[in-house]
Protein backbone atom coordinates (compact mmCIF):
# COMPACT_ATOMS: atom_id res chain seq x y z
CA MET A 1 223.50 207.42 87.82
CA LEU A 2 221.87 204.23 86.57
CA PRO A 3 223.16 200.86 87.84
CA GLU A 4 224.84 198.60 85.29
CA GLY A 5 222.56 195.87 83.93
CA ILE A 6 219.37 197.56 85.12
CA PHE A 7 217.58 196.86 81.81
CA ASP A 8 219.13 193.47 80.95
CA GLU A 9 215.91 191.47 81.37
CA LEU A 10 213.73 193.84 79.33
CA SER A 11 214.44 192.48 75.86
CA SER A 12 210.80 192.99 74.76
CA LEU A 13 210.61 196.64 75.83
CA GLU A 14 209.54 198.93 72.97
CA GLU A 15 209.67 202.41 74.55
CA LEU A 16 211.89 203.74 77.33
CA GLY A 17 211.49 207.20 78.86
CA LEU A 18 214.45 208.58 80.81
CA GLY A 19 213.80 212.26 80.16
CA GLU A 20 213.84 215.08 82.72
CA ASN A 21 216.26 213.46 85.15
CA ASP A 22 219.72 214.54 86.25
CA LEU A 23 221.66 211.85 84.41
CA ASN A 24 225.21 212.99 83.68
CA SER A 25 226.50 209.67 82.34
CA LEU A 26 225.31 206.30 81.09
CA PRO A 27 227.02 202.97 81.85
CA GLU A 28 228.58 201.21 78.87
CA GLY A 29 226.27 198.55 77.43
CA ILE A 30 223.24 199.76 79.37
CA PHE A 31 220.97 199.40 76.31
CA ASP A 32 222.56 196.27 74.80
CA GLU A 33 219.70 193.90 75.68
CA LEU A 34 216.89 196.23 74.54
CA ILE A 35 216.80 194.77 71.05
CA SER A 36 213.05 195.52 70.57
CA LEU A 37 213.28 199.18 71.57
CA THR A 38 211.72 201.56 69.03
CA VAL A 39 211.75 204.84 71.00
CA LEU A 40 214.32 206.08 73.52
CA TRP A 41 213.79 209.35 75.43
CA LEU A 42 216.92 210.85 77.02
CA TYR A 43 215.92 214.51 76.84
CA ASP A 44 216.55 217.19 79.48
CA ASN A 45 219.37 215.47 81.35
CA ASP A 46 222.95 216.57 82.00
CA LEU A 47 224.73 214.29 79.54
CA SER A 48 227.94 215.87 78.27
CA THR A 49 229.40 212.78 76.57
CA LEU A 50 228.18 209.50 75.11
CA SER A 51 230.33 206.38 74.99
CA ASP A 52 231.26 204.72 71.71
CA GLY A 53 228.77 202.08 70.62
CA ILE A 54 226.19 202.86 73.29
CA PHE A 55 223.35 202.56 70.73
CA ASP A 56 224.83 199.81 68.55
CA GLU A 57 222.34 197.10 69.58
CA LEU A 58 219.25 199.28 69.07
CA THR A 59 218.77 198.36 65.43
CA SER A 60 214.94 198.66 65.69
CA LEU A 61 215.07 202.20 67.06
CA ALA A 62 212.86 204.64 65.15
CA GLY A 63 213.02 207.66 67.49
CA LEU A 64 215.89 208.95 69.63
CA SER A 65 215.63 212.12 71.72
CA LEU A 66 218.81 213.67 73.14
CA LEU A 67 217.56 217.24 73.27
CA GLY A 68 218.31 219.55 76.16
CA ASN A 69 221.57 217.95 77.32
CA ASP A 70 225.12 219.31 77.49
CA LEU A 71 226.62 217.47 74.51
CA VAL A 72 229.57 219.29 72.96
CA THR A 73 230.44 216.68 70.35
CA LEU A 74 229.43 213.16 69.35
CA PRO A 75 231.61 210.06 68.83
CA ASP A 76 232.34 208.96 65.27
CA GLY A 77 229.89 206.32 64.11
CA ILE A 78 227.59 206.60 67.12
CA PHE A 79 224.48 206.34 64.91
CA ASP A 80 225.84 203.92 62.29
CA GLU A 81 223.72 200.95 63.43
CA LEU A 82 220.47 202.92 63.71
CA THR A 83 219.38 202.30 60.13
CA SER A 84 215.67 202.25 61.11
CA LEU A 85 215.81 205.70 62.70
CA THR A 86 213.24 208.16 61.34
CA ALA A 87 213.48 210.94 63.97
CA LEU A 88 216.52 212.27 65.82
CA TRP A 89 216.33 215.17 68.28
CA LEU A 90 219.64 216.89 69.11
CA TYR A 91 218.54 220.47 69.62
CA GLY A 92 219.28 222.45 72.76
CA ASN A 93 222.76 221.00 73.29
CA ASP A 94 226.19 222.66 73.08
CA LEU A 95 227.36 220.97 69.88
CA ILE A 96 230.17 222.97 68.33
CA THR A 97 230.97 220.47 65.58
CA LEU A 98 229.82 217.18 64.11
CA PRO A 99 232.03 214.34 62.84
CA GLU A 100 232.19 213.76 59.09
CA GLY A 101 229.81 211.03 57.97
CA ILE A 102 227.92 210.88 61.27
CA PHE A 103 224.55 210.67 59.46
CA ASP A 104 225.65 208.61 56.45
CA GLU A 105 223.78 205.44 57.49
CA LEU A 106 220.54 207.21 58.50
CA THR A 107 218.96 207.08 55.05
CA SER A 108 215.45 206.56 56.53
CA LEU A 109 215.62 209.75 58.61
CA GLU A 110 212.59 212.01 58.11
CA GLY A 111 213.20 214.50 60.94
CA LEU A 112 216.53 215.87 62.19
CA HIS A 113 216.54 218.59 64.83
CA LEU A 114 219.87 220.39 65.30
CA SER A 115 218.65 223.86 66.21
CA ASN A 116 219.81 225.84 69.25
CA ASN A 117 223.35 224.46 69.37
CA ALA A 118 226.73 226.17 68.87
CA LEU A 119 227.36 225.04 65.28
CA VAL A 120 229.30 227.53 63.18
CA THR A 121 230.26 225.26 60.26
CA LEU A 122 229.27 221.77 59.18
CA PRO A 123 231.37 219.12 57.38
CA GLU A 124 231.00 219.03 53.63
CA GLY A 125 228.28 216.66 52.46
CA ILE A 126 227.05 215.81 55.97
CA PHE A 127 223.38 215.81 54.83
CA GLU A 128 224.03 214.44 51.34
CA ASP A 129 222.52 210.98 51.93
CA LEU A 130 219.49 212.15 53.94
CA THR A 131 217.18 212.40 50.96
CA GLU A 132 214.07 211.51 53.00
CA LEU A 133 214.42 214.82 54.87
CA TYR A 134 213.28 216.56 51.70
CA SER A 135 210.34 214.32 50.79
CA SER A 136 206.87 215.82 50.76
CA ASN A 137 205.78 213.95 53.91
CA SER A 138 208.90 214.46 55.99
CA VAL A 139 209.23 216.44 59.22
CA GLY A 140 212.36 218.06 57.79
CA LEU A 141 215.67 219.46 58.89
CA TYR A 142 216.02 222.16 61.55
CA LEU A 143 219.21 224.20 61.89
CA GLN A 144 218.04 227.57 63.14
CA ASP A 145 219.49 229.29 66.22
CA ASN A 146 223.04 228.20 65.51
CA PRO A 147 225.82 230.80 65.03
CA GLY A 148 226.35 229.59 61.44
CA ALA A 149 222.69 229.58 60.41
CA PRO A 150 221.52 229.89 57.72
CA PHE A 151 223.72 227.08 56.38
CA ARG A 152 223.85 227.36 52.61
CA PRO A 153 225.68 225.68 49.72
CA VAL A 154 228.69 227.54 48.32
CA VAL A 155 228.85 227.44 44.54
CA ASN A 156 231.73 227.97 42.14
CA ALA A 157 230.87 228.62 38.51
CA SER A 158 234.49 227.89 37.58
CA ALA A 159 236.86 230.16 35.64
CA ASP A 160 235.81 232.24 32.65
CA LEU A 161 236.04 230.43 29.31
CA THR A 162 237.10 231.43 25.81
CA VAL A 163 235.58 229.36 23.00
CA GLN A 164 235.31 229.26 19.21
CA PRO A 165 232.05 230.24 17.46
CA GLY A 166 229.74 227.28 16.83
CA THR A 167 231.47 224.91 19.26
CA GLU A 168 229.79 222.77 21.92
CA VAL A 169 230.53 224.32 25.30
CA SER A 170 230.22 222.85 28.80
CA ILE A 171 230.24 225.28 31.72
CA PRO A 172 231.38 223.43 34.84
CA GLY A 173 230.16 224.33 38.30
CA SER A 174 230.77 222.85 41.71
CA VAL A 175 229.27 223.11 45.16
CA THR A 176 230.64 222.72 48.66
CA GLY A 177 228.86 222.74 51.97
CA PRO A 178 226.84 220.38 54.16
CA TRP A 179 224.50 219.25 51.37
CA GLY A 180 227.30 217.92 49.15
CA SER A 181 225.88 217.28 45.68
CA PHE A 182 222.29 216.90 46.95
CA VAL A 183 221.23 220.24 45.50
CA ARG A 184 219.08 221.66 42.73
CA TRP A 185 221.26 223.53 40.22
CA ASN A 186 219.98 226.72 38.61
CA TRP A 187 221.95 228.23 35.72
CA THR A 188 220.57 231.44 34.19
CA GLN A 189 221.94 233.50 31.30
CA VAL A 190 222.09 237.10 32.51
CA ASP A 191 222.88 240.43 30.90
CA GLY A 192 226.27 241.03 32.50
CA PRO A 193 228.78 239.94 35.12
CA ASP A 194 227.33 240.00 38.65
CA SER A 195 223.88 240.64 37.23
CA ASP A 196 220.62 239.01 38.28
CA THR A 197 218.70 240.13 35.17
CA PRO A 198 217.89 237.24 32.80
CA VAL A 199 218.52 237.66 29.10
CA SER A 200 215.49 237.66 26.82
CA GLY A 201 215.85 234.80 24.34
CA ALA A 202 218.56 233.08 26.39
CA LEU A 203 220.49 230.20 24.86
CA PRO A 204 218.95 226.80 25.65
CA LEU A 205 221.09 224.84 28.09
CA THR A 206 221.23 221.06 27.90
CA GLY A 207 221.15 219.73 31.46
CA GLU A 208 220.43 223.07 33.12
CA ASN A 209 219.73 221.40 36.46
CA THR A 210 223.15 219.72 36.56
CA ALA A 211 226.62 220.76 37.61
CA MET A 212 227.80 220.98 34.00
CA PRO A 213 225.22 222.12 31.43
CA SER A 214 226.17 222.60 27.81
CA PHE A 215 225.14 224.72 24.82
CA LYS A 216 226.26 225.53 21.29
CA ALA A 217 228.18 228.79 21.06
CA PRO A 218 226.68 231.34 18.64
CA MET A 219 228.50 232.11 15.42
CA THR A 220 228.96 235.75 16.34
CA GLU A 221 231.71 236.95 18.65
CA GLY A 222 230.79 238.40 22.02
CA GLU A 223 230.43 237.63 25.71
CA LEU A 224 227.84 235.40 27.39
CA HIS A 225 227.22 235.63 31.12
CA PHE A 226 225.74 232.89 33.30
CA ARG A 227 224.66 232.98 36.93
CA LEU A 228 224.73 229.87 39.12
CA ILE A 229 222.87 229.25 42.36
CA ALA A 230 222.15 225.97 44.18
CA THR A 231 219.29 224.96 46.44
CA PRO A 232 219.58 222.28 49.17
CA GLY A 233 217.63 219.19 48.15
CA HIS A 234 215.75 218.68 44.92
CA GLU A 235 212.28 220.04 45.67
CA GLY A 236 210.70 223.16 47.08
CA THR A 237 212.24 226.30 48.48
CA PRO A 238 214.58 225.91 51.46
CA PRO A 239 213.15 227.85 54.42
CA GLU A 240 215.62 230.30 55.92
CA ASP A 241 213.69 230.27 59.18
CA LYS A 242 214.80 226.64 59.61
CA GLY A 243 218.42 227.64 59.25
CA TYR A 244 219.23 226.75 55.66
CA THR A 245 218.71 228.47 52.34
CA ILE A 246 219.89 228.81 48.74
CA SER A 247 223.47 229.66 47.87
CA ASP A 248 224.78 233.08 47.12
CA PRO A 249 225.19 233.35 43.32
CA ASP A 250 228.39 233.01 41.32
CA TRP A 251 228.95 234.07 37.70
CA ILE A 252 230.95 232.90 34.72
CA THR A 253 231.68 234.71 31.45
CA VAL A 254 232.03 232.73 28.21
CA ARG A 255 233.85 234.72 25.54
CA VAL A 256 233.18 233.71 21.95
CA ASN A 257 236.25 234.68 19.93
CA VAL A 258 237.83 233.70 16.63
CA ALA A 259 241.30 232.77 17.87
CA THR A 260 244.28 233.96 15.82
CA ASN A 261 245.96 230.65 16.64
CA ALA A 262 243.75 227.60 16.45
CA THR A 263 245.85 225.83 19.09
CA GLU A 264 245.78 228.76 21.47
CA ALA A 265 244.16 227.87 24.83
CA PRO A 266 243.39 229.92 27.93
CA GLN A 267 246.27 230.01 30.37
CA VAL A 268 246.05 228.01 33.59
CA VAL A 269 248.31 229.08 36.45
CA ASP A 270 247.57 226.50 39.15
CA PHE A 271 246.60 222.85 39.33
CA ASP A 272 243.03 222.48 40.56
CA LEU A 273 240.53 219.64 40.92
CA LEU A 274 237.11 220.97 39.86
CA GLY A 275 235.14 217.89 40.91
CA ASN A 276 233.31 215.19 39.00
CA TYR A 277 230.13 215.66 36.98
CA PRO A 278 227.46 214.46 37.18
CA ASN A 279 227.51 213.55 40.84
CA PRO A 280 225.59 211.42 41.79
CA PHE A 281 225.96 209.43 38.55
CA ASN A 282 225.14 206.13 36.83
CA PRO A 283 227.34 204.59 35.53
CA SER A 284 229.71 207.20 34.07
CA THR A 285 231.16 210.42 35.41
CA THR A 286 233.80 212.92 34.32
CA ILE A 287 236.53 214.42 36.52
CA LEU A 288 237.60 217.94 35.57
CA LEU A 289 241.07 219.37 36.21
CA ASP A 290 242.82 222.66 35.61
CA LEU A 291 246.32 221.74 34.40
CA PRO A 292 249.06 224.36 33.92
CA GLN A 293 251.20 221.78 32.04
CA THR A 294 250.69 218.50 30.20
CA ALA A 295 250.47 215.82 32.87
CA ALA A 296 250.44 212.08 33.48
CA VAL A 297 247.35 211.56 35.63
CA SER A 298 246.14 208.58 37.63
CA VAL A 299 242.80 208.21 39.42
CA GLU A 300 242.32 205.80 42.32
CA ILE A 301 238.90 205.07 43.83
CA PHE A 302 238.41 203.86 47.40
CA ASN A 303 235.37 202.56 49.26
CA MET A 304 234.38 203.86 52.68
CA LEU A 305 236.61 201.23 54.33
CA GLY A 306 239.63 202.77 52.64
CA GLN A 307 240.10 199.85 50.23
CA ARG A 308 241.25 200.73 46.72
CA ILE A 309 238.77 199.21 44.29
CA HIS A 310 239.62 200.89 40.97
CA ARG A 311 242.54 202.62 39.29
CA GLU A 312 242.72 204.28 35.91
CA ASP A 313 245.72 205.93 34.22
CA PHE A 314 245.71 208.79 31.75
CA PRO A 315 249.33 208.93 30.48
CA THR A 316 249.05 212.27 28.64
CA VAL A 317 246.51 214.93 29.54
CA ALA A 318 246.94 218.27 27.76
CA ALA A 319 247.40 221.52 29.65
CA GLY A 320 244.38 223.78 29.92
CA PRO A 321 241.27 224.58 31.90
CA SER A 322 238.61 221.98 32.72
CA GLN A 323 240.49 219.04 31.21
CA SER A 324 238.25 215.98 31.40
CA LEU A 325 238.89 212.43 32.60
CA SER A 326 235.98 210.12 31.76
CA LEU A 327 235.29 207.11 33.99
CA ASN A 328 232.86 204.25 33.46
CA LEU A 329 232.25 202.58 36.83
CA SER A 330 229.43 200.22 35.90
CA HIS A 331 231.24 197.37 37.68
CA LEU A 332 230.91 199.10 41.07
CA SER A 333 227.89 198.87 43.34
CA SER A 334 225.80 201.83 44.49
CA GLY A 335 227.36 203.89 47.25
CA ALA A 336 229.69 206.72 48.22
CA TYR A 337 233.34 206.59 47.22
CA VAL A 338 236.47 208.67 47.68
CA TYR A 339 238.70 209.29 44.67
CA GLN A 340 242.29 210.51 44.63
CA VAL A 341 243.89 212.22 41.65
CA ARG A 342 247.67 212.23 41.12
CA ALA A 343 249.03 214.52 38.39
CA GLN A 344 252.72 214.53 37.50
CA MET A 345 253.95 217.55 35.55
CA GLY A 346 257.68 217.25 35.01
CA LYS A 347 259.22 216.92 38.45
CA GLU A 348 256.16 218.28 40.22
CA ILE A 349 253.49 215.96 41.58
CA HIS A 350 250.08 217.24 42.66
CA HIS A 351 247.46 215.36 44.66
CA ALA A 352 243.78 216.10 45.20
CA SER A 353 240.78 214.13 46.36
CA GLY A 354 237.02 214.27 46.17
CA ARG A 355 233.85 212.28 46.85
CA MET A 356 231.52 210.69 44.34
CA THR A 357 228.23 208.81 44.65
CA LEU A 358 227.13 206.03 42.31
CA ILE A 359 223.38 205.38 42.18
CA LYS A 360 221.96 202.41 40.28
């Protein structure tokens, strides 16, 4: 146990090594005066918990080592003030979960070590803002030796579509998992459902590396099949030996038919929010919904403090698959936002929410 105030006079200290001791707790405020600290070593102790705000004053910290302790979870926001952090070592603990948004402020992070914990699942989008982890000079992200490794995106190529010959078609896809929308999309036209064999002379897709590419349907009737996979990050091949890898594939069939009734549309059974595309975006994005009935829809957008900063109403949205709600959010600043969709269909009201990122 360290005495309270032991470091209070060391305001110019730049590196502090407390590794390989038997520390099982840290007094509140023990690091508050170490405003010049750039590296803090706390590895190979017996720490099972960390108090809220224990690192809040260490705004110059570039490296933090907590490896080899007994941490089971971490407090919300414990790293929020460490915006200069480039390396964080958390491997060799007993972490079974991580709070949502715990890494959101660590946009300078180049190395994150989470291997050899007890992680089975990770919150959606937890690595979405850590784009420096995937730069060519970064140390990278390590997730191996967890029960849930390899952690991969989960893609949904949406429901099958029926379209008219010669029409412009968008094929929506979505992704869930710890990388959020920070993925490389890969749509491929294949020779059948659940097939990995590309078609010779495939249709050109506009925006292939996006969530929602488009193409012009051929004039002849028939079926077109597309495979979707997603890769964490935007460059390179994700190494499975580090505990993360590409998604399993999903497929969508687009049927080109001459409809006997021009107003006939594919049936939708359930209300579903399909996400917003593109995401990230600047300055416009489109929310897609499956609507079983014509609905009055409203969209509210909130910042990360929970404050509503935008609302838009769509009084009449027709029933059908992948109905689109276009938003121009040029008046908002760059950042992550939460949006809530409310759809009223007769007496029934449906709610759904999602996350979007505006980049300017």
